[in-house]
Amino acid sequence: RTGLILEIFADRARTREGVLQVELAALSY
Protein backbone atom coordinates (compact mmCIF):
# COMPACT_ATOMS: atom_id res chain seq x y z
CA ARG A 1 0.00 0.00 0.00
CA THR A 2 2.77 2.45 0.89
CA GLY A 3 4.65 1.73 -2.34
CA LEU A 4 1.59 2.30 -4.53
CA ILE A 5 0.59 5.55 -2.80
CA LEU A 6 4.17 6.78 -3.23
CA GLU A 7 3.92 6.03 -6.96
CA ILE A 8 0.64 7.96 -7.19
CA PHE A 9 2.09 10.92 -5.30
CA ALA A 10 5.14 10.91 -7.56
CA ASP A 11 2.82 11.08 -10.53
CA ARG A 12 0.72 13.93 -9.12
CA ALA A 13 3.10 16.27 -7.28
CA ARG A 14 3.48 19.56 -9.14
CA THR A 15 4.90 22.15 -6.74
CA ARG A 16 8.61 22.16 -5.95
CA GLU A 17 7.97 21.32 -2.31
CA GLY A 18 5.52 18.55 -3.18
CA VAL A 19 8.09 16.94 -5.51
CA LEU A 20 10.83 17.12 -2.87
CA GLN A 21 8.62 15.80 -0.06
CA VAL A 22 7.47 12.82 -2.12
CA GLU A 23 11.02 12.03 -3.23
CA LEU A 24 12.20 12.21 0.38
CA ALA A 25 9.37 9.90 1.49
CA ALA A 26 10.22 7.42 -1.26
CA LEU A 27 13.92 7.35 -0.37
CA SER A 28 13.10 6.80 3.30
CA TYR A 29 10.82 3.93 2.29
PDB file of all heavy atoms in Angstrom:
ATOM      1  N   ARG A   1       0.827  -1.218   0.000  1.00  0.00           N
ATOM      2  CA  ARG A   1       0.000   0.000   0.000  1.00  0.00           C
ATOM      3  C   ARG A   1       0.859   1.264   0.000  1.00  0.00           C
ATOM      4  O   ARG A   1       0.607   2.192  -0.755  1.00  0.00           O
ATOM      5  CB  ARG A   1      -0.924  -0.021   1.226  1.00  0.00           C
ATOM      6  CG  ARG A   1      -1.950   1.109   1.243  1.00  0.00           C
ATOM      7  CD  ARG A   1      -2.846   0.975   2.466  1.00  0.00           C
ATOM      8  NE  ARG A   1      -3.824   2.047   2.555  1.00  0.00           N
ATOM      9  CZ  ARG A   1      -5.005   2.034   1.984  1.00  0.00           C
ATOM     10  NH1 ARG A   1      -5.376   0.996   1.250  1.00  0.00           N
ATOM     11  NH2 ARG A   1      -5.848   3.048   2.121  1.00  0.00           N
ATOM     12  N   THR A   2       1.892   1.277   0.845  1.00  0.00           N
ATOM     13  CA  THR A   2       2.767   2.450   0.895  1.00  0.00           C
ATOM     14  C   THR A   2       3.449   2.684  -0.449  1.00  0.00           C
ATOM     15  O   THR A   2       3.501   3.816  -0.942  1.00  0.00           O
ATOM     16  CB  THR A   2       3.836   2.275   1.991  1.00  0.00           C
ATOM     17  OG1 THR A   2       3.189   2.130   3.255  1.00  0.00           O
ATOM     18  CG2 THR A   2       4.766   3.476   2.037  1.00  0.00           C
ATOM     19  N   GLY A   3       3.964   1.600  -1.054  1.00  0.00           N
ATOM     20  CA  GLY A   3       4.652   1.727  -2.339  1.00  0.00           C
ATOM     21  C   GLY A   3       3.755   2.286  -3.431  1.00  0.00           C
ATOM     22  O   GLY A   3       4.171   3.146  -4.215  1.00  0.00           O
ATOM     23  N   LEU A   4       2.498   1.830  -3.476  1.00  0.00           N
ATOM     24  CA  LEU A   4       1.591   2.304  -4.526  1.00  0.00           C
ATOM     25  C   LEU A   4       1.223   3.772  -4.314  1.00  0.00           C
ATOM     26  O   LEU A   4       1.208   4.561  -5.266  1.00  0.00           O
ATOM     27  CB  LEU A   4       0.322   1.452  -4.571  1.00  0.00           C
ATOM     28  CG  LEU A   4      -0.628   1.835  -5.706  1.00  0.00           C
ATOM     29  CD1 LEU A   4      -0.015   1.516  -7.072  1.00  0.00           C
ATOM     30  CD2 LEU A   4      -1.965   1.138  -5.573  1.00  0.00           C
ATOM     31  N   ILE A   5       0.947   4.147  -3.060  1.00  0.00           N
ATOM     32  CA  ILE A   5       0.593   5.545  -2.797  1.00  0.00           C
ATOM     33  C   ILE A   5       1.770   6.466  -3.127  1.00  0.00           C
ATOM     34  O   ILE A   5       1.596   7.568  -3.654  1.00  0.00           O
ATOM     35  CB  ILE A   5       0.117   5.735  -1.340  1.00  0.00           C
ATOM     36  CG1 ILE A   5      -1.195   4.967  -1.118  1.00  0.00           C
ATOM     37  CG2 ILE A   5      -0.094   7.207  -1.016  1.00  0.00           C
ATOM     38  CD1 ILE A   5      -1.696   4.990   0.310  1.00  0.00           C
ATOM     39  N   LEU A   6       2.981   5.996  -2.856  1.00  0.00           N
ATOM     40  CA  LEU A   6       4.168   6.776  -3.234  1.00  0.00           C
ATOM     41  C   LEU A   6       4.232   6.970  -4.745  1.00  0.00           C
ATOM     42  O   LEU A   6       4.558   8.055  -5.234  1.00  0.00           O
ATOM     43  CB  LEU A   6       5.436   6.079  -2.747  1.00  0.00           C
ATOM     44  CG  LEU A   6       5.806   6.286  -1.278  1.00  0.00           C
ATOM     45  CD1 LEU A   6       6.881   5.299  -0.862  1.00  0.00           C
ATOM     46  CD2 LEU A   6       6.270   7.713  -1.033  1.00  0.00           C
ATOM     47  N   GLU A   7       3.924   5.920  -5.496  1.00  0.00           N
ATOM     48  CA  GLU A   7       3.921   6.027  -6.965  1.00  0.00           C
ATOM     49  C   GLU A   7       2.888   7.054  -7.427  1.00  0.00           C
ATOM     50  O   GLU A   7       3.147   7.869  -8.318  1.00  0.00           O
ATOM     51  CB  GLU A   7       3.613   4.666  -7.595  1.00  0.00           C
ATOM     52  CG  GLU A   7       4.740   3.645  -7.469  1.00  0.00           C
ATOM     53  CD  GLU A   7       5.821   3.851  -8.520  1.00  0.00           C
ATOM     54  OE1 GLU A   7       5.715   4.801  -9.320  1.00  0.00           O
ATOM     55  OE2 GLU A   7       6.783   3.066  -8.535  1.00  0.00           O
ATOM     56  N   ILE A   8       1.699   7.014  -6.806  1.00  0.00           N
ATOM     57  CA  ILE A   8       0.640   7.961  -7.186  1.00  0.00           C
ATOM     58  C   ILE A   8       1.078   9.386  -6.871  1.00  0.00           C
ATOM     59  O   ILE A   8       0.921  10.303  -7.684  1.00  0.00           O
ATOM     60  CB  ILE A   8      -0.673   7.620  -6.450  1.00  0.00           C
ATOM     61  CG1 ILE A   8      -1.205   6.259  -6.908  1.00  0.00           C
ATOM     62  CG2 ILE A   8      -1.729   8.698  -6.706  1.00  0.00           C
ATOM     63  CD1 ILE A   8      -2.350   5.738  -6.060  1.00  0.00           C
ATOM     64  N   PHE A   9       1.650   9.581  -5.675  1.00  0.00           N
ATOM     65  CA  PHE A   9       2.094  10.922  -5.301  1.00  0.00           C
ATOM     66  C   PHE A   9       3.190  11.419  -6.228  1.00  0.00           C
ATOM     67  O   PHE A   9       3.242  12.592  -6.585  1.00  0.00           O
ATOM     68  CB  PHE A   9       2.582  10.921  -3.848  1.00  0.00           C
ATOM     69  CG  PHE A   9       1.489  11.159  -2.845  1.00  0.00           C
ATOM     70  CD1 PHE A   9       0.285  10.475  -2.945  1.00  0.00           C
ATOM     71  CD2 PHE A   9       1.655  12.048  -1.810  1.00  0.00           C
ATOM     72  CE1 PHE A   9      -0.729  10.686  -2.030  1.00  0.00           C
ATOM     73  CE2 PHE A   9       0.648  12.265  -0.881  1.00  0.00           C
ATOM     74  CZ  PHE A   9      -0.540  11.584  -0.995  1.00  0.00           C
ATOM     75  N   ALA A  10       4.085  10.516  -6.627  1.00  0.00           N
ATOM     76  CA  ALA A  10       5.144  10.908  -7.561  1.00  0.00           C
ATOM     77  C   ALA A  10       4.552  11.364  -8.878  1.00  0.00           C
ATOM     78  O   ALA A  10       5.060  12.283  -9.528  1.00  0.00           O
ATOM     79  CB  ALA A  10       6.093   9.726  -7.794  1.00  0.00           C
ATOM     80  N   ASP A  11       3.464  10.748  -9.267  1.00  0.00           N
ATOM     81  CA  ASP A  11       2.820  11.076 -10.532  1.00  0.00           C
ATOM     82  C   ASP A  11       2.058  12.403 -10.466  1.00  0.00           C
ATOM     83  O   ASP A  11       1.909  13.096 -11.465  1.00  0.00           O
ATOM     84  CB  ASP A  11       1.852   9.947 -10.913  1.00  0.00           C
ATOM     85  CG  ASP A  11       1.325  10.075 -12.327  1.00  0.00           C
ATOM     86  OD1 ASP A  11       2.127   9.944 -13.265  1.00  0.00           O
ATOM     87  OD2 ASP A  11       0.111  10.322 -12.494  1.00  0.00           O
ATOM     88  N   ARG A  12       1.597  12.767  -9.250  1.00  0.00           N
ATOM     89  CA  ARG A  12       0.716  13.932  -9.117  1.00  0.00           C
ATOM     90  C   ARG A  12       1.387  15.198  -8.618  1.00  0.00           C
ATOM     91  O   ARG A  12       0.870  16.292  -8.836  1.00  0.00           O
ATOM     92  CB  ARG A  12      -0.430  13.603  -8.148  1.00  0.00           C
ATOM     93  CG  ARG A  12      -1.271  12.422  -8.557  1.00  0.00           C
ATOM     94  CD  ARG A  12      -2.281  12.819  -9.645  1.00  0.00           C
ATOM     95  NE  ARG A  12      -2.746  11.623 -10.312  1.00  0.00           N
ATOM     96  CZ  ARG A  12      -3.599  10.763  -9.810  1.00  0.00           C
ATOM     97  NH1 ARG A  12      -4.120  10.987  -8.639  1.00  0.00           N
ATOM     98  NH2 ARG A  12      -3.955   9.697 -10.491  1.00  0.00           N
ATOM     99  N   ALA A  13       2.485  15.076  -7.882  1.00  0.00           N
ATOM    100  CA  ALA A  13       3.104  16.267  -7.278  1.00  0.00           C
ATOM    101  C   ALA A  13       3.504  17.270  -8.356  1.00  0.00           C
ATOM    102  O   ALA A  13       4.092  16.893  -9.370  1.00  0.00           O
ATOM    103  CB  ALA A  13       4.319  15.873  -6.445  1.00  0.00           C
ATOM    104  N   ARG A  14       3.170  18.518  -8.153  1.00  0.00           N
ATOM    105  CA  ARG A  14       3.484  19.561  -9.143  1.00  0.00           C
ATOM    106  C   ARG A  14       4.351  20.676  -8.562  1.00  0.00           C
ATOM    107  O   ARG A  14       5.220  21.197  -9.232  1.00  0.00           O
ATOM    108  CB  ARG A  14       2.172  20.155  -9.691  1.00  0.00           C
ATOM    109  CG  ARG A  14       1.359  19.168 -10.521  1.00  0.00           C
ATOM    110  CD  ARG A  14       2.071  18.806 -11.827  1.00  0.00           C
ATOM    111  NE  ARG A  14       1.320  17.814 -12.585  1.00  0.00           N
ATOM    112  CZ  ARG A  14       1.502  16.502 -12.514  1.00  0.00           C
ATOM    113  NH1 ARG A  14       2.423  16.011 -11.692  1.00  0.00           N
ATOM    114  NH2 ARG A  14       0.797  15.669 -13.239  1.00  0.00           N
ATOM    115  N   THR A  15       4.097  21.073  -7.325  1.00  0.00           N
ATOM    116  CA  THR A  15       4.899  22.155  -6.744  1.00  0.00           C
ATOM    117  C   THR A  15       6.287  21.630  -6.388  1.00  0.00           C
ATOM    118  O   THR A  15       6.483  20.434  -6.185  1.00  0.00           O
ATOM    119  CB  THR A  15       4.244  22.725  -5.477  1.00  0.00           C
ATOM    120  OG1 THR A  15       4.193  21.703  -4.476  1.00  0.00           O
ATOM    121  CG2 THR A  15       2.842  23.245  -5.753  1.00  0.00           C
ATOM    122  N   ARG A  16       7.234  22.544  -6.290  1.00  0.00           N
ATOM    123  CA  ARG A  16       8.611  22.161  -5.953  1.00  0.00           C
ATOM    124  C   ARG A  16       8.659  21.430  -4.613  1.00  0.00           C
ATOM    125  O   ARG A  16       9.318  20.398  -4.468  1.00  0.00           O
ATOM    126  CB  ARG A  16       9.492  23.417  -5.917  1.00  0.00           C
ATOM    127  CG  ARG A  16      10.944  23.160  -5.527  1.00  0.00           C
ATOM    128  CD  ARG A  16      11.642  22.286  -6.553  1.00  0.00           C
ATOM    129  NE  ARG A  16      13.046  22.081  -6.230  1.00  0.00           N
ATOM    130  CZ  ARG A  16      13.737  21.022  -6.594  1.00  0.00           C
ATOM    131  NH1 ARG A  16      13.152  20.049  -7.268  1.00  0.00           N
ATOM    132  NH2 ARG A  16      15.004  20.914  -6.293  1.00  0.00           N
ATOM    133  N   GLU A  17       7.942  21.959  -3.627  1.00  0.00           N
ATOM    134  CA  GLU A  17       7.970  21.318  -2.315  1.00  0.00           C
ATOM    135  C   GLU A  17       7.314  19.943  -2.362  1.00  0.00           C
ATOM    136  O   GLU A  17       7.801  18.981  -1.761  1.00  0.00           O
ATOM    137  CB  GLU A  17       7.278  22.176  -1.257  1.00  0.00           C
ATOM    138  CG  GLU A  17       7.405  21.548   0.119  1.00  0.00           C
ATOM    139  CD  GLU A  17       6.699  22.342   1.193  1.00  0.00           C
ATOM    140  OE1 GLU A  17       5.877  23.199   0.862  1.00  0.00           O
ATOM    141  OE2 GLU A  17       6.973  22.085   2.367  1.00  0.00           O
ATOM    142  N   GLY A  18       6.198  19.849  -3.075  1.00  0.00           N
ATOM    143  CA  GLY A  18       5.525  18.553  -3.184  1.00  0.00           C
ATOM    144  C   GLY A  18       6.423  17.494  -3.785  1.00  0.00           C
ATOM    145  O   GLY A  18       6.497  16.364  -3.301  1.00  0.00           O
ATOM    146  N   VAL A  19       7.158  17.872  -4.852  1.00  0.00           N
ATOM    147  CA  VAL A  19       8.085  16.938  -5.508  1.00  0.00           C
ATOM    148  C   VAL A  19       9.167  16.493  -4.532  1.00  0.00           C
ATOM    149  O   VAL A  19       9.477  15.297  -4.411  1.00  0.00           O
ATOM    150  CB  VAL A  19       8.718  17.594  -6.757  1.00  0.00           C
ATOM    151  CG1 VAL A  19       9.859  16.734  -7.304  1.00  0.00           C
ATOM    152  CG2 VAL A  19       7.667  17.807  -7.843  1.00  0.00           C
ATOM    153  N   LEU A  20       9.755  17.448  -3.808  1.00  0.00           N
ATOM    154  CA  LEU A  20      10.829  17.116  -2.873  1.00  0.00           C
ATOM    155  C   LEU A  20      10.333  16.246  -1.719  1.00  0.00           C
ATOM    156  O   LEU A  20      10.993  15.287  -1.317  1.00  0.00           O
ATOM    157  CB  LEU A  20      11.455  18.398  -2.317  1.00  0.00           C
ATOM    158  CG  LEU A  20      12.279  19.242  -3.305  1.00  0.00           C
ATOM    159  CD1 LEU A  20      12.659  20.571  -2.665  1.00  0.00           C
ATOM    160  CD2 LEU A  20      13.521  18.489  -3.759  1.00  0.00           C
ATOM    161  N   GLN A  21       9.147  16.570  -1.191  1.00  0.00           N
ATOM    162  CA  GLN A  21       8.621  15.800  -0.065  1.00  0.00           C
ATOM    163  C   GLN A  21       8.342  14.359  -0.470  1.00  0.00           C
ATOM    164  O   GLN A  21       8.622  13.422   0.274  1.00  0.00           O
ATOM    165  CB  GLN A  21       7.327  16.444   0.460  1.00  0.00           C
ATOM    166  CG  GLN A  21       7.521  17.778   1.166  1.00  0.00           C
ATOM    167  CD  GLN A  21       8.085  17.634   2.566  1.00  0.00           C
ATOM    168  OE1 GLN A  21       8.605  16.595   2.938  1.00  0.00           O
ATOM    169  NE2 GLN A  21       8.009  18.693   3.341  1.00  0.00           N
ATOM    170  N   VAL A  22       7.775  14.170  -1.665  1.00  0.00           N
ATOM    171  CA  VAL A  22       7.470  12.817  -2.123  1.00  0.00           C
ATOM    172  C   VAL A  22       8.760  12.040  -2.376  1.00  0.00           C
ATOM    173  O   VAL A  22       8.882  10.860  -2.026  1.00  0.00           O
ATOM    174  CB  VAL A  22       6.599  12.854  -3.396  1.00  0.00           C
ATOM    175  CG1 VAL A  22       6.402  11.447  -3.948  1.00  0.00           C
ATOM    176  CG2 VAL A  22       5.247  13.475  -3.093  1.00  0.00           C
ATOM    177  N   GLU A  23       9.748  12.711  -2.969  1.00  0.00           N
ATOM    178  CA  GLU A  23      11.017  12.034  -3.229  1.00  0.00           C
ATOM    179  C   GLU A  23      11.691  11.631  -1.919  1.00  0.00           C
ATOM    180  O   GLU A  23      12.236  10.529  -1.794  1.00  0.00           O
ATOM    181  CB  GLU A  23      11.941  12.946  -4.041  1.00  0.00           C
ATOM    182  CG  GLU A  23      13.172  12.232  -4.564  1.00  0.00           C
ATOM    183  CD  GLU A  23      13.946  13.049  -5.588  1.00  0.00           C
ATOM    184  OE1 GLU A  23      13.402  14.068  -6.063  1.00  0.00           O
ATOM    185  OE2 GLU A  23      15.077  12.669  -5.893  1.00  0.00           O
ATOM    186  N   LEU A  24      11.619  12.516  -0.924  1.00  0.00           N
ATOM    187  CA  LEU A  24      12.198  12.207   0.384  1.00  0.00           C
ATOM    188  C   LEU A  24      11.475  11.018   1.028  1.00  0.00           C
ATOM    189  O   LEU A  24      12.100  10.111   1.587  1.00  0.00           O
ATOM    190  CB  LEU A  24      12.107  13.440   1.284  1.00  0.00           C
ATOM    191  CG  LEU A  24      12.761  13.334   2.665  1.00  0.00           C
ATOM    192  CD1 LEU A  24      14.254  13.070   2.537  1.00  0.00           C
ATOM    193  CD2 LEU A  24      12.524  14.622   3.446  1.00  0.00           C
ATOM    194  N   ALA A  25      10.151  11.009   0.931  1.00  0.00           N
ATOM    195  CA  ALA A  25       9.373   9.902   1.492  1.00  0.00           C
ATOM    196  C   ALA A  25       9.721   8.592   0.805  1.00  0.00           C
ATOM    197  O   ALA A  25       9.859   7.545   1.448  1.00  0.00           O
ATOM    198  CB  ALA A  25       7.871  10.194   1.344  1.00  0.00           C
ATOM    199  N   ALA A  26       9.899   8.640  -0.519  1.00  0.00           N
ATOM    200  CA  ALA A  26      10.225   7.421  -1.265  1.00  0.00           C
ATOM    201  C   ALA A  26      11.603   6.892  -0.892  1.00  0.00           C
ATOM    202  O   ALA A  26      11.793   5.685  -0.739  1.00  0.00           O
ATOM    203  CB  ALA A  26      10.156   7.699  -2.763  1.00  0.00           C
ATOM    204  N   LEU A  27      12.567   7.794  -0.742  1.00  0.00           N
ATOM    205  CA  LEU A  27      13.916   7.350  -0.371  1.00  0.00           C
ATOM    206  C   LEU A  27      13.929   6.737   1.025  1.00  0.00           C
ATOM    207  O   LEU A  27      14.599   5.731   1.277  1.00  0.00           O
ATOM    208  CB  LEU A  27      14.892   8.524  -0.442  1.00  0.00           C
ATOM    209  CG  LEU A  27      15.316   8.949  -1.852  1.00  0.00           C
ATOM    210  CD1 LEU A  27      16.088  10.254  -1.797  1.00  0.00           C
ATOM    211  CD2 LEU A  27      16.144   7.869  -2.513  1.00  0.00           C
ATOM    212  N   SER A  28      13.175   7.344   1.950  1.00  0.00           N
ATOM    213  CA  SER A  28      13.102   6.797   3.305  1.00  0.00           C
ATOM    214  C   SER A  28      12.494   5.407   3.276  1.00  0.00           C
ATOM    215  O   SER A  28      12.932   4.501   3.994  1.00  0.00           O
ATOM    216  CB  SER A  28      12.261   7.712   4.200  1.00  0.00           C
ATOM    217  OG  SER A  28      12.822   9.005   4.256  1.00  0.00           O
ATOM    218  N   TYR A  29      11.476   5.232   2.435  1.00  0.00           N
ATOM    219  CA  TYR A  29      10.818   3.926   2.295  1.00  0.00           C
ATOM    220  C   TYR A  29      11.767   2.909   1.652  1.00  0.00           C
ATOM    221  O   TYR A  29      11.909   1.781   2.119  1.00  0.00           O
ATOM    222  CB  TYR A  29       9.565   4.105   1.437  1.00  0.00           C
ATOM    223  CG  TYR A  29       8.845   2.826   1.064  1.00  0.00           C
ATOM    224  CD1 TYR A  29       8.116   2.118   2.013  1.00  0.00           C
ATOM    225  CD2 TYR A  29       8.885   2.347  -0.236  1.00  0.00           C
ATOM    226  CE1 TYR A  29       7.441   0.957   1.666  1.00  0.00           C
ATOM    227  CE2 TYR A  29       8.217   1.188  -0.593  1.00  0.00           C
ATOM    228  CZ  TYR A  29       7.497   0.503   0.373  1.00  0.00           C
ATOM    229  OH  TYR A  29       6.825  -0.641   0.023  1.00  0.00           O
TER     230      TYR A  29
END
